[in-house]
Amino acid sequence: MATFEFRSRGLGLDTTPGCFVCGGGSELRPNIAAFVKSRPDGEAIVRLFGRGARLDYRDFEPKWLQVKVGACPVHKLALARLDELTSANHTISAELIAQAKQA
């Protein structure tokens, strides 16, 4: 089980590539922005989601890395659950993502 550092900044709004639960469309939606340790870790975390997440990486700020995870209004509760689960230990894994999707 791969586990990665994931420090959520809480719920907010941002443009994401869909909903992490149902896919949805790319638009402004409820999201979590979370700091991650490195670009490779951020890319691996985005792959764990499969959809609804993107890495916010900027060449001019290489140490300011965030993964942005979106949810449609129907799945906002799952996003809140994801925030709760990942905030307990500041980590994320495929298992935690699966648990959040059940909310």
PDB file of N, CA and C in Angstrom:
ATOM      1  N   MET A   1       0.841  -1.177   0.000  1.00  0.00           N
ATOM      2  CA  MET A   1       0.000   0.000   0.000  1.00  0.00           C
ATOM      3  C   MET A   1       0.890   1.246   0.000  1.00  0.00           C
ATOM      4  N   ALA A   2       0.831   2.010  -1.072  1.00  0.00           N
ATOM      5  CA  ALA A   2       1.591   3.259  -1.163  1.00  0.00           C
ATOM      6  C   ALA A   2       0.866   4.361  -0.411  1.00  0.00           C
ATOM      7  N   THR A   3       1.599   5.037   0.445  1.00  0.00           N
ATOM      8  CA  THR A   3       1.071   6.155   1.212  1.00  0.00           C
ATOM      9  C   THR A   3       1.953   7.363   0.947  1.00  0.00           C
ATOM     10  N   PHE A   4       1.329   8.517   0.765  1.00  0.00           N
ATOM     11  CA  PHE A   4       2.052   9.744   0.450  1.00  0.00           C
ATOM     12  C   PHE A   4       1.654  10.847   1.409  1.00  0.00           C
ATOM     13  N   GLU A   5       2.581  11.769   1.645  1.00  0.00           N
ATOM     14  CA  GLU A   5       2.275  12.953   2.442  1.00  0.00           C
ATOM     15  C   GLU A   5       1.255  13.798   1.680  1.00  0.00           C
ATOM     16  N   PHE A   6       0.254  14.326   2.398  1.00  0.00           N
ATOM     17  CA  PHE A   6      -0.850  15.053   1.782  1.00  0.00           C
ATOM     18  C   PHE A   6      -1.422  15.983   2.838  1.00  0.00           C
ATOM     19  N   ARG A   7      -1.081  17.260   2.776  1.00  0.00           N
ATOM     20  CA  ARG A   7      -1.493  18.224   3.799  1.00  0.00           C
ATOM     21  C   ARG A   7      -2.579  19.148   3.244  1.00  0.00           C
ATOM     22  N   SER A   8      -3.803  18.769   3.503  1.00  0.00           N
ATOM     23  CA  SER A   8      -4.951  19.507   2.987  1.00  0.00           C
ATOM     24  C   SER A   8      -5.045  20.898   3.585  1.00  0.00           C
ATOM     25  N   ARG A   9      -5.437  21.846   2.750  1.00  0.00           N
ATOM     26  CA  ARG A   9      -5.699  23.213   3.205  1.00  0.00           C
ATOM     27  C   ARG A   9      -7.186  23.402   3.478  1.00  0.00           C
ATOM     28  N   GLY A  10      -7.941  22.313   3.454  1.00  0.00           N
ATOM     29  CA  GLY A  10      -9.374  22.382   3.701  1.00  0.00           C
ATOM     30  C   GLY A  10     -10.162  22.546   2.409  1.00  0.00           C
ATOM     31  N   LEU A  11     -11.462  22.639   2.552  1.00  0.00           N
ATOM     32  CA  LEU A  11     -12.339  22.753   1.392  1.00  0.00           C
ATOM     33  C   LEU A  11     -12.308  24.166   0.831  1.00  0.00           C
ATOM     34  N   GLY A  12     -12.345  24.246  -0.496  1.00  0.00           N
ATOM     35  CA  GLY A  12     -12.375  25.533  -1.179  1.00  0.00           C
ATOM     36  C   GLY A  12     -13.057  25.382  -2.524  1.00  0.00           C
ATOM     37  N   LEU A  13     -12.781  26.302  -3.435  1.00  0.00           N
ATOM     38  CA  LEU A  13     -13.309  26.253  -4.806  1.00  0.00           C
ATOM     39  C   LEU A  13     -12.152  26.442  -5.773  1.00  0.00           C
ATOM     40  N   ASP A  14     -12.144  25.657  -6.838  1.00  0.00           N
ATOM     41  CA  ASP A  14     -11.129  25.790  -7.878  1.00  0.00           C
ATOM     42  C   ASP A  14     -11.590  25.019  -9.103  1.00  0.00           C
ATOM     43  N   THR A  15     -10.932  25.264 -10.211  1.00  0.00           N
ATOM     44  CA  THR A  15     -11.200  24.504 -11.426  1.00  0.00           C
ATOM     45  C   THR A  15     -10.408  23.207 -11.351  1.00  0.00           C
ATOM     46  N   THR A  16     -11.102  22.102 -11.508  1.00  0.00           N
ATOM     47  CA  THR A  16     -10.455  20.785 -11.467  1.00  0.00           C
ATOM     48  C   THR A  16     -10.898  19.979 -12.680  1.00  0.00           C
ATOM     49  N   PRO A  17     -10.136  18.943 -13.006  1.00  0.00           N
ATOM     50  CA  PRO A  17     -10.515  18.115 -14.156  1.00  0.00           C
ATOM     51  C   PRO A  17     -11.621  17.117 -13.805  1.00  0.00           C
ATOM     52  N   GLY A  18     -12.737  17.613 -13.346  1.00  0.00           N
ATOM     53  CA  GLY A  18     -13.876  16.765 -13.039  1.00  0.00           C
ATOM     54  C   GLY A  18     -13.984  16.428 -11.564  1.00  0.00           C
ATOM     55  N   CYS A  19     -14.900  15.528 -11.288  1.00  0.00           N
ATOM     56  CA  CYS A  19     -15.184  15.057  -9.934  1.00  0.00           C
ATOM     57  C   CYS A  19     -14.396  13.770  -9.683  1.00  0.00           C
ATOM     58  N   PHE A  20     -13.780  13.640  -8.506  1.00  0.00           N
ATOM     59  CA  PHE A  20     -12.993  12.446  -8.228  1.00  0.00           C
ATOM     60  C   PHE A  20     -13.861  11.201  -8.036  1.00  0.00           C
ATOM     61  N   VAL A  21     -15.170  11.382  -7.859  1.00  0.00           N
ATOM     62  CA  VAL A  21     -16.064  10.243  -7.689  1.00  0.00           C
ATOM     63  C   VAL A  21     -16.697   9.830  -9.021  1.00  0.00           C
ATOM     64  N   CYS A  22     -17.346  10.778  -9.719  1.00  0.00           N
ATOM     65  CA  CYS A  22     -18.101  10.421 -10.929  1.00  0.00           C
ATOM     66  C   CYS A  22     -17.466  10.904 -12.233  1.00  0.00           C
ATOM     67  N   GLY A  23     -16.410  11.663 -12.146  1.00  0.00           N
ATOM     68  CA  GLY A  23     -15.784  12.196 -13.360  1.00  0.00           C
ATOM     69  C   GLY A  23     -16.215  13.614 -13.629  1.00  0.00           C
ATOM     70  N   GLY A  24     -17.497  13.812 -13.875  1.00  0.00           N
ATOM     71  CA  GLY A  24     -18.033  15.153 -14.106  1.00  0.00           C
ATOM     72  C   GLY A  24     -17.242  15.943 -15.130  1.00  0.00           C
ATOM     73  N   GLY A  25     -17.539  17.207 -15.287  1.00  0.00           N
ATOM     74  CA  GLY A  25     -16.841  18.058 -16.238  1.00  0.00           C
ATOM     75  C   GLY A  25     -15.820  18.939 -15.550  1.00  0.00           C
ATOM     76  N   SER A  26     -14.972  19.558 -16.344  1.00  0.00           N
ATOM     77  CA  SER A  26     -13.953  20.452 -15.813  1.00  0.00           C
ATOM     78  C   SER A  26     -14.550  21.837 -15.647  1.00  0.00           C
ATOM     79  N   GLU A  27     -14.691  22.267 -14.407  1.00  0.00           N
ATOM     80  CA  GLU A  27     -15.296  23.569 -14.115  1.00  0.00           C
ATOM     81  C   GLU A  27     -14.964  23.952 -12.677  1.00  0.00           C
ATOM     82  N   LEU A  28     -15.362  25.144 -12.278  1.00  0.00           N
ATOM     83  CA  LEU A  28     -15.191  25.579 -10.902  1.00  0.00           C
ATOM     84  C   LEU A  28     -16.084  24.715 -10.023  1.00  0.00           C
ATOM     85  N   ARG A  29     -15.470  24.113  -9.012  1.00  0.00           N
ATOM     86  CA  ARG A  29     -16.221  23.195  -8.153  1.00  0.00           C
ATOM     87  C   ARG A  29     -15.588  23.125  -6.771  1.00  0.00           C
ATOM     88  N   PRO A  30     -16.298  22.560  -5.789  1.00  0.00           N
ATOM     89  CA  PRO A  30     -15.684  22.342  -4.494  1.00  0.00           C
ATOM     90  C   PRO A  30     -14.407  21.514  -4.669  1.00  0.00           C
ATOM     91  N   ASN A  31     -13.375  21.866  -3.918  1.00  0.00           N
ATOM     92  CA  ASN A  31     -12.133  21.128  -4.050  1.00  0.00           C
ATOM     93  C   ASN A  31     -11.348  21.128  -2.747  1.00  0.00           C
ATOM     94  N   ILE A  32     -10.323  20.296  -2.743  1.00  0.00           N
ATOM     95  CA  ILE A  32      -9.292  20.298  -1.709  1.00  0.00           C
ATOM     96  C   ILE A  32      -7.995  20.647  -2.430  1.00  0.00           C
ATOM     97  N   ALA A  33      -7.230  21.548  -1.864  1.00  0.00           N
ATOM     98  CA  ALA A  33      -5.860  21.810  -2.304  1.00  0.00           C
ATOM     99  C   ALA A  33      -4.969  21.287  -1.188  1.00  0.00           C
ATOM    100  N   ALA A  34      -4.055  20.387  -1.537  1.00  0.00           N
ATOM    101  CA  ALA A  34      -3.199  19.785  -0.518  1.00  0.00           C
ATOM    102  C   ALA A  34      -1.737  19.893  -0.923  1.00  0.00           C
ATOM    103  N   PHE A  35      -0.912  20.275   0.026  1.00  0.00           N
ATOM    104  CA  PHE A  35       0.519  20.314  -0.227  1.00  0.00           C
ATOM    105  C   PHE A  35       1.067  18.896  -0.269  1.00  0.00           C
ATOM    106  N   VAL A  36       1.979  18.661  -1.214  1.00  0.00           N
ATOM    107  CA  VAL A  36       2.633  17.365  -1.353  1.00  0.00           C
ATOM    108  C   VAL A  36       4.144  17.562  -1.310  1.00  0.00           C
ATOM    109  N   LYS A  37       4.865  16.484  -1.065  1.00  0.00           N
ATOM    110  CA  LYS A  37       6.297  16.546  -0.798  1.00  0.00           C
ATOM    111  C   LYS A  37       7.148  16.847  -2.028  1.00  0.00           C
ATOM    112  N   SER A  38       6.791  16.270  -3.179  1.00  0.00           N
ATOM    113  CA  SER A  38       7.619  16.414  -4.375  1.00  0.00           C
ATOM    114  C   SER A  38       6.764  16.279  -5.630  1.00  0.00           C
ATOM    115  N   ARG A  39       7.331  16.659  -6.748  1.00  0.00           N
ATOM    116  CA  ARG A  39       6.615  16.518  -8.009  1.00  0.00           C
ATOM    117  C   ARG A  39       6.314  15.051  -8.324  1.00  0.00           C
ATOM    118  N   PRO A  40       7.300  14.138  -8.175  1.00  0.00           N
ATOM    119  CA  PRO A  40       6.971  12.719  -8.423  1.00  0.00           C
ATOM    120  C   PRO A  40       5.864  12.203  -7.502  1.00  0.00           C
ATOM    121  N   ASP A  41       5.880  12.613  -6.222  1.00  0.00           N
ATOM    122  CA  ASP A  41       4.801  12.193  -5.316  1.00  0.00           C
ATOM    123  C   ASP A  41       3.464  12.764  -5.773  1.00  0.00           C
ATOM    124  N   GLY A  42       3.456  14.043  -6.155  1.00  0.00           N
ATOM    125  CA  GLY A  42       2.229  14.671  -6.633  1.00  0.00           C
ATOM    126  C   GLY A  42       1.668  13.970  -7.856  1.00  0.00           C
ATOM    127  N   GLU A  43       2.550  13.612  -8.782  1.00  0.00           N
ATOM    128  CA  GLU A  43       2.102  12.898  -9.987  1.00  0.00           C
ATOM    129  C   GLU A  43       1.547  11.528  -9.632  1.00  0.00           C
ATOM    130  N   ALA A  44       2.182  10.850  -8.669  1.00  0.00           N
ATOM    131  CA  ALA A  44       1.690   9.534  -8.232  1.00  0.00           C
ATOM    132  C   ALA A  44       0.326   9.658  -7.551  1.00  0.00           C
ATOM    133  N   ILE A  45       0.141  10.698  -6.757  1.00  0.00           N
ATOM    134  CA  ILE A  45      -1.150  10.921  -6.086  1.00  0.00           C
ATOM    135  C   ILE A  45      -2.242  11.176  -7.110  1.00  0.00           C
ATOM    136  N   VAL A  46      -1.966  11.988  -8.115  1.00  0.00           N
ATOM    137  CA  VAL A  46      -2.947  12.250  -9.173  1.00  0.00           C
ATOM    138  C   VAL A  46      -3.329  10.936  -9.855  1.00  0.00           C
ATOM    139  N   ARG A  47      -2.350  10.066 -10.087  1.00  0.00           N
ATOM    140  CA  ARG A  47      -2.653   8.762 -10.700  1.00  0.00           C
ATOM    141  C   ARG A  47      -3.539   7.908  -9.788  1.00  0.00           C
ATOM    142  N   LEU A  48      -3.354   8.014  -8.456  1.00  0.00           N
ATOM    143  CA  LEU A  48      -4.214   7.260  -7.531  1.00  0.00           C
ATOM    144  C   LEU A  48      -5.684   7.619  -7.720  1.00  0.00           C
ATOM    145  N   PHE A  49      -5.944   8.888  -7.970  1.00  0.00           N
ATOM    146  CA  PHE A  49      -7.330   9.332  -8.144  1.00  0.00           C
ATOM    147  C   PHE A  49      -7.912   8.852  -9.464  1.00  0.00           C
ATOM    148  N   GLY A  50      -7.128   8.829 -10.512  1.00  0.00           N
ATOM    149  CA  GLY A  50      -7.629   8.404 -11.821  1.00  0.00           C
ATOM    150  C   GLY A  50      -8.419   9.486 -12.534  1.00  0.00           C
ATOM    151  N   ARG A  51      -9.148  10.294 -11.792  1.00  0.00           N
ATOM    152  CA  ARG A  51      -9.930  11.398 -12.359  1.00  0.00           C
ATOM    153  C   ARG A  51     -10.215  12.416 -11.251  1.00  0.00           C
ATOM    154  N   GLY A  52     -10.458  13.639 -11.676  1.00  0.00           N
ATOM    155  CA  GLY A  52     -10.843  14.674 -10.733  1.00  0.00           C
ATOM    156  C   GLY A  52      -9.716  15.334  -9.967  1.00  0.00           C
ATOM    157  N   ALA A  53      -8.457  14.996 -10.276  1.00  0.00           N
ATOM    158  CA  ALA A  53      -7.320  15.583  -9.561  1.00  0.00           C
ATOM    159  C   ALA A  53      -6.277  16.070 -10.562  1.00  0.00           C
ATOM    160  N   ARG A  54      -5.563  17.122 -10.144  1.00  0.00           N
ATOM    161  CA  ARG A  54      -4.467  17.636 -10.964  1.00  0.00           C
ATOM    162  C   ARG A  54      -3.355  18.124 -10.061  1.00  0.00           C
ATOM    163  N   LEU A  55      -2.138  18.135 -10.599  1.00  0.00           N
ATOM    164  CA  LEU A  55      -0.992  18.668  -9.874  1.00  0.00           C
ATOM    165  C   LEU A  55      -0.825  20.124 -10.259  1.00  0.00           C
ATOM    166  N   ASP A  56      -0.771  20.984  -9.263  1.00  0.00           N
ATOM    167  CA  ASP A  56      -0.518  22.406  -9.487  1.00  0.00           C
ATOM    168  C   ASP A  56       0.973  22.612  -9.243  1.00  0.00           C
ATOM    169  N   TYR A  57       1.742  22.602 -10.338  1.00  0.00           N
ATOM    170  CA  TYR A  57       3.197  22.758 -10.288  1.00  0.00           C
ATOM    171  C   TYR A  57       3.579  23.933 -11.161  1.00  0.00           C
ATOM    172  N   ARG A  58       4.452  24.772 -10.647  1.00  0.00           N
ATOM    173  CA  ARG A  58       4.930  25.931 -11.402  1.00  0.00           C
ATOM    174  C   ARG A  58       6.449  25.945 -11.364  1.00  0.00           C
ATOM    175  N   ASP A  59       7.067  26.044 -12.528  1.00  0.00           N
ATOM    176  CA  ASP A  59       8.526  26.049 -12.602  1.00  0.00           C
ATOM    177  C   ASP A  59       9.157  27.125 -11.727  1.00  0.00           C
ATOM    178  N   PHE A  60       8.504  28.282 -11.617  1.00  0.00           N
ATOM    179  CA  PHE A  60       9.072  29.384 -10.840  1.00  0.00           C
ATOM    180  C   PHE A  60       8.856  29.214  -9.330  1.00  0.00           C
ATOM    181  N   GLU A  61       8.051  28.223  -8.919  1.00  0.00           N
ATOM    182  CA  GLU A  61       7.841  27.904  -7.504  1.00  0.00           C
ATOM    183  C   GLU A  61       7.918  26.386  -7.311  1.00  0.00           C
ATOM    184  N   PRO A  62       9.083  25.782  -7.589  1.00  0.00           N
ATOM    185  CA  PRO A  62       9.173  24.309  -7.596  1.00  0.00           C
ATOM    186  C   PRO A  62       8.941  23.640  -6.245  1.00  0.00           C
ATOM    187  N   LYS A  63       8.995  24.371  -5.162  1.00  0.00           N
ATOM    188  CA  LYS A  63       8.764  23.773  -3.844  1.00  0.00           C
ATOM    189  C   LYS A  63       7.351  24.038  -3.323  1.00  0.00           C
ATOM    190  N   TRP A  64       6.524  24.672  -4.118  1.00  0.00           N
ATOM    191  CA  TRP A  64       5.141  25.003  -3.746  1.00  0.00           C
ATOM    192  C   TRP A  64       4.225  24.106  -4.572  1.00  0.00           C
ATOM    193  N   LEU A  65       4.138  22.848  -4.194  1.00  0.00           N
ATOM    194  CA  LEU A  65       3.390  21.848  -4.948  1.00  0.00           C
ATOM    195  C   LEU A  65       2.086  21.515  -4.253  1.00  0.00           C
ATOM    196  N   GLN A  66       1.009  21.518  -5.025  1.00  0.00           N
ATOM    197  CA  GLN A  66      -0.290  21.151  -4.482  1.00  0.00           C
ATOM    198  C   GLN A  66      -1.003  20.201  -5.434  1.00  0.00           C
ATOM    199  N   VAL A  67      -1.716  19.265  -4.870  1.00  0.00           N
ATOM    200  CA  VAL A  67      -2.642  18.450  -5.640  1.00  0.00           C
ATOM    201  C   VAL A  67      -4.013  19.041  -5.383  1.00  0.00           C
ATOM    202  N   LYS A  68      -4.744  19.298  -6.457  1.00  0.00           N
ATOM    203  CA  LYS A  68      -6.100  19.839  -6.357  1.00  0.00           C
ATOM    204  C   LYS A  68      -7.074  18.717  -6.731  1.00  0.00           C
ATOM    205  N   VAL A  69      -8.012  18.450  -5.835  1.00  0.00           N
ATOM    206  CA  VAL A  69      -8.996  17.373  -6.017  1.00  0.00           C
ATOM    207  C   VAL A  69     -10.377  17.993  -6.009  1.00  0.00           C
ATOM    208  N   GLY A  70     -11.166  17.730  -7.041  1.00  0.00           N
ATOM    209  CA  GLY A  70     -12.498  18.307  -7.146  1.00  0.00           C
ATOM    210  C   GLY A  70     -13.614  17.298  -6.956  1.00  0.00           C
ATOM    211  N   ALA A  71     -14.774  17.832  -6.618  1.00  0.00           N
ATOM    212  CA  ALA A  71     -15.987  17.023  -6.493  1.00  0.00           C
ATOM    213  C   ALA A  71     -17.165  17.838  -7.002  1.00  0.00           C
ATOM    214  N   CYS A  72     -18.095  17.181  -7.662  1.00  0.00           N
ATOM    215  CA  CYS A  72     -19.320  17.853  -8.088  1.00  0.00           C
ATOM    216  C   CYS A  72     -20.179  18.098  -6.843  1.00  0.00           C
ATOM    217  N   PRO A  73     -21.190  18.948  -6.941  1.00  0.00           N
ATOM    218  CA  PRO A  73     -22.043  19.214  -5.768  1.00  0.00           C
ATOM    219  C   PRO A  73     -22.661  17.956  -5.155  1.00  0.00           C
ATOM    220  N   VAL A  74     -22.976  16.979  -5.983  1.00  0.00           N
ATOM    221  CA  VAL A  74     -23.571  15.732  -5.484  1.00  0.00           C
ATOM    222  C   VAL A  74     -22.590  14.968  -4.590  1.00  0.00           C
ATOM    223  N   HIS A  75     -21.289  15.083  -4.891  1.00  0.00           N
ATOM    224  CA  HIS A  75     -20.275  14.329  -4.152  1.00  0.00           C
ATOM    225  C   HIS A  75     -19.435  15.192  -3.211  1.00  0.00           C
ATOM    226  N   LYS A  76     -19.959  16.355  -2.852  1.00  0.00           N
ATOM    227  CA  LYS A  76     -19.231  17.244  -1.934  1.00  0.00           C
ATOM    228  C   LYS A  76     -19.008  16.565  -0.577  1.00  0.00           C
ATOM    229  N   LEU A  77     -19.939  15.740  -0.141  1.00  0.00           N
ATOM    230  CA  LEU A  77     -19.787  15.008   1.118  1.00  0.00           C
ATOM    231  C   LEU A  77     -18.589  14.058   1.056  1.00  0.00           C
ATOM    232  N   ALA A  78     -18.379  13.427  -0.090  1.00  0.00           N
ATOM    233  CA  ALA A  78     -17.221  12.545  -0.259  1.00  0.00           C
ATOM    234  C   ALA A  78     -15.928  13.344  -0.175  1.00  0.00           C
ATOM    235  N   LEU A  79     -15.942  14.555  -0.706  1.00  0.00           N
ATOM    236  CA  LEU A  79     -14.767  15.428  -0.635  1.00  0.00           C
ATOM    237  C   LEU A  79     -14.490  15.818   0.824  1.00  0.00           C
ATOM    238  N   ALA A  80     -15.528  16.150   1.561  1.00  0.00           N
ATOM    239  CA  ALA A  80     -15.368  16.478   2.977  1.00  0.00           C
ATOM    240  C   ALA A  80     -14.826  15.279   3.750  1.00  0.00           C
ATOM    241  N   ARG A  81     -15.295  14.106   3.408  1.00  0.00           N
ATOM    242  CA  ARG A  81     -14.805  12.878   4.056  1.00  0.00           C
ATOM    243  C   ARG A  81     -13.332  12.655   3.712  1.00  0.00           C
ATOM    244  N   LEU A  82     -12.949  12.910   2.465  1.00  0.00           N
ATOM    245  CA  LEU A  82     -11.547  12.783   2.057  1.00  0.00           C
ATOM    246  C   LEU A  82     -10.683  13.737   2.878  1.00  0.00           C
ATOM    247  N   ASP A  83     -11.142  14.959   3.057  1.00  0.00           N
ATOM    248  CA  ASP A  83     -10.408  15.939   3.856  1.00  0.00           C
ATOM    249  C   ASP A  83     -10.246  15.431   5.290  1.00  0.00           C
ATOM    250  N   GLU A  84     -11.311  14.904   5.848  1.00  0.00           N
ATOM    251  CA  GLU A  84     -11.284  14.381   7.219  1.00  0.00           C
ATOM    252  C   GLU A  84     -10.303  13.210   7.346  1.00  0.00           C
ATOM    253  N   LEU A  85     -10.380  12.266   6.419  1.00  0.00           N
ATOM    254  CA  LEU A  85      -9.522  11.076   6.474  1.00  0.00           C
ATOM    255  C   LEU A  85      -8.047  11.420   6.302  1.00  0.00           C
ATOM    256  N   THR A  86      -7.751  12.324   5.387  1.00  0.00           N
ATOM    257  CA  THR A  86      -6.349  12.650   5.123  1.00  0.00           C
ATOM    258  C   THR A  86      -5.770  13.587   6.168  1.00  0.00           C
ATOM    259  N   SER A  87      -6.609  14.359   6.830  1.00  0.00           N
ATOM    260  CA  SER A  87      -6.122  15.294   7.841  1.00  0.00           C
ATOM    261  C   SER A  87      -5.708  14.595   9.131  1.00  0.00           C
ATOM    262  N   ALA A  88      -6.200  13.403   9.357  1.00  0.00           N
ATOM    263  CA  ALA A  88      -5.866  12.675  10.586  1.00  0.00           C
ATOM    264  C   ALA A  88      -4.363  12.433  10.703  1.00  0.00           C
ATOM    265  N   ASN A  89      -3.714  12.039   9.604  1.00  0.00           N
ATOM    266  CA  ASN A  89      -2.274  11.741   9.621  1.00  0.00           C
ATOM    267  C   ASN A  89      -1.500  12.480   8.537  1.00  0.00           C
ATOM    268  N   HIS A  90      -2.164  13.385   7.827  1.00  0.00           N
ATOM    269  CA  HIS A  90      -1.546  14.127   6.717  1.00  0.00           C
ATOM    270  C   HIS A  90      -0.973  13.183   5.659  1.00  0.00           C
ATOM    271  N   THR A  91      -1.724  12.111   5.386  1.00  0.00           N
ATOM    272  CA  THR A  91      -1.320  11.154   4.361  1.00  0.00           C
ATOM    273  C   THR A  91      -2.515  10.813   3.478  1.00  0.00           C
ATOM    274  N   ILE A  92      -2.174  10.238   2.323  1.00  0.00           N
ATOM    275  CA  ILE A  92      -3.206   9.765   1.407  1.00  0.00           C
ATOM    276  C   ILE A  92      -2.769   8.430   0.823  1.00  0.00           C
ATOM    277  N   SER A  93      -3.746   7.593   0.528  1.00  0.00           N
ATOM    278  CA  SER A  93      -3.505   6.294  -0.098  1.00  0.00           C
ATOM    279  C   SER A  93      -4.740   5.929  -0.924  1.00  0.00           C
ATOM    280  N   ALA A  94      -4.600   4.912  -1.740  1.00  0.00           N
ATOM    281  CA  ALA A  94      -5.741   4.445  -2.537  1.00  0.00           C
ATOM    282  C   ALA A  94      -6.885   3.999  -1.624  1.00  0.00           C
ATOM    283  N   GLU A  95      -6.544   3.425  -0.474  1.00  0.00           N
ATOM    284  CA  GLU A  95      -7.555   2.948   0.461  1.00  0.00           C
ATOM    285  C   GLU A  95      -8.366   4.113   1.045  1.00  0.00           C
ATOM    286  N   LEU A  96      -7.692   5.212   1.384  1.00  0.00           N
ATOM    287  CA  LEU A  96      -8.403   6.377   1.920  1.00  0.00           C
ATOM    288  C   LEU A  96      -9.310   7.006   0.860  1.00  0.00           C
ATOM    289  N   ILE A  97      -8.838   7.028  -0.378  1.00  0.00           N
ATOM    290  CA  ILE A  97      -9.656   7.564  -1.473  1.00  0.00           C
ATOM    291  C   ILE A  97     -10.910   6.710  -1.630  1.00  0.00           C
ATOM    292  N   ALA A  98     -10.743   5.394  -1.598  1.00  0.00           N
ATOM    293  CA  ALA A  98     -11.888   4.487  -1.721  1.00  0.00           C
ATOM    294  C   ALA A  98     -12.881   4.687  -0.568  1.00  0.00           C
ATOM    295  N   GLN A  99     -12.375   4.869   0.650  1.00  0.00           N
ATOM    296  CA  GLN A  99     -13.254   5.101   1.808  1.00  0.00           C
ATOM    297  C   GLN A  99     -14.045   6.396   1.623  1.00  0.00           C
ATOM    298  N   ALA A 100     -13.379   7.437   1.162  1.00  0.00           N
ATOM    299  CA  ALA A 100     -14.060   8.732   0.975  1.00  0.00           C
ATOM    300  C   ALA A 100     -15.157   8.631  -0.071  1.00  0.00           C
ATOM    301  N   LYS A 101     -14.932   7.874  -1.116  1.00  0.00           N
ATOM    302  CA  LYS A 101     -15.931   7.728  -2.173  1.00  0.00           C
ATOM    303  C   LYS A 101     -17.209   7.071  -1.680  1.00  0.00           C
ATOM    304  N   GLN A 102     -17.138   6.347  -0.569  1.00  0.00           N
ATOM    305  CA  GLN A 102     -18.311   5.668  -0.016  1.00  0.00           C
ATOM    306  C   GLN A 102     -19.245   6.620   0.746  1.00  0.00           C
ATOM    307  N   ALA A 103     -18.771   7.840   1.017  1.00  0.00           N
ATOM    308  CA  ALA A 103     -19.570   8.791   1.816  1.00  0.00           C
ATOM    309  C   ALA A 103     -20.818   9.228   1.076  1.00  0.00           C
TER     310      ALA A 103
END
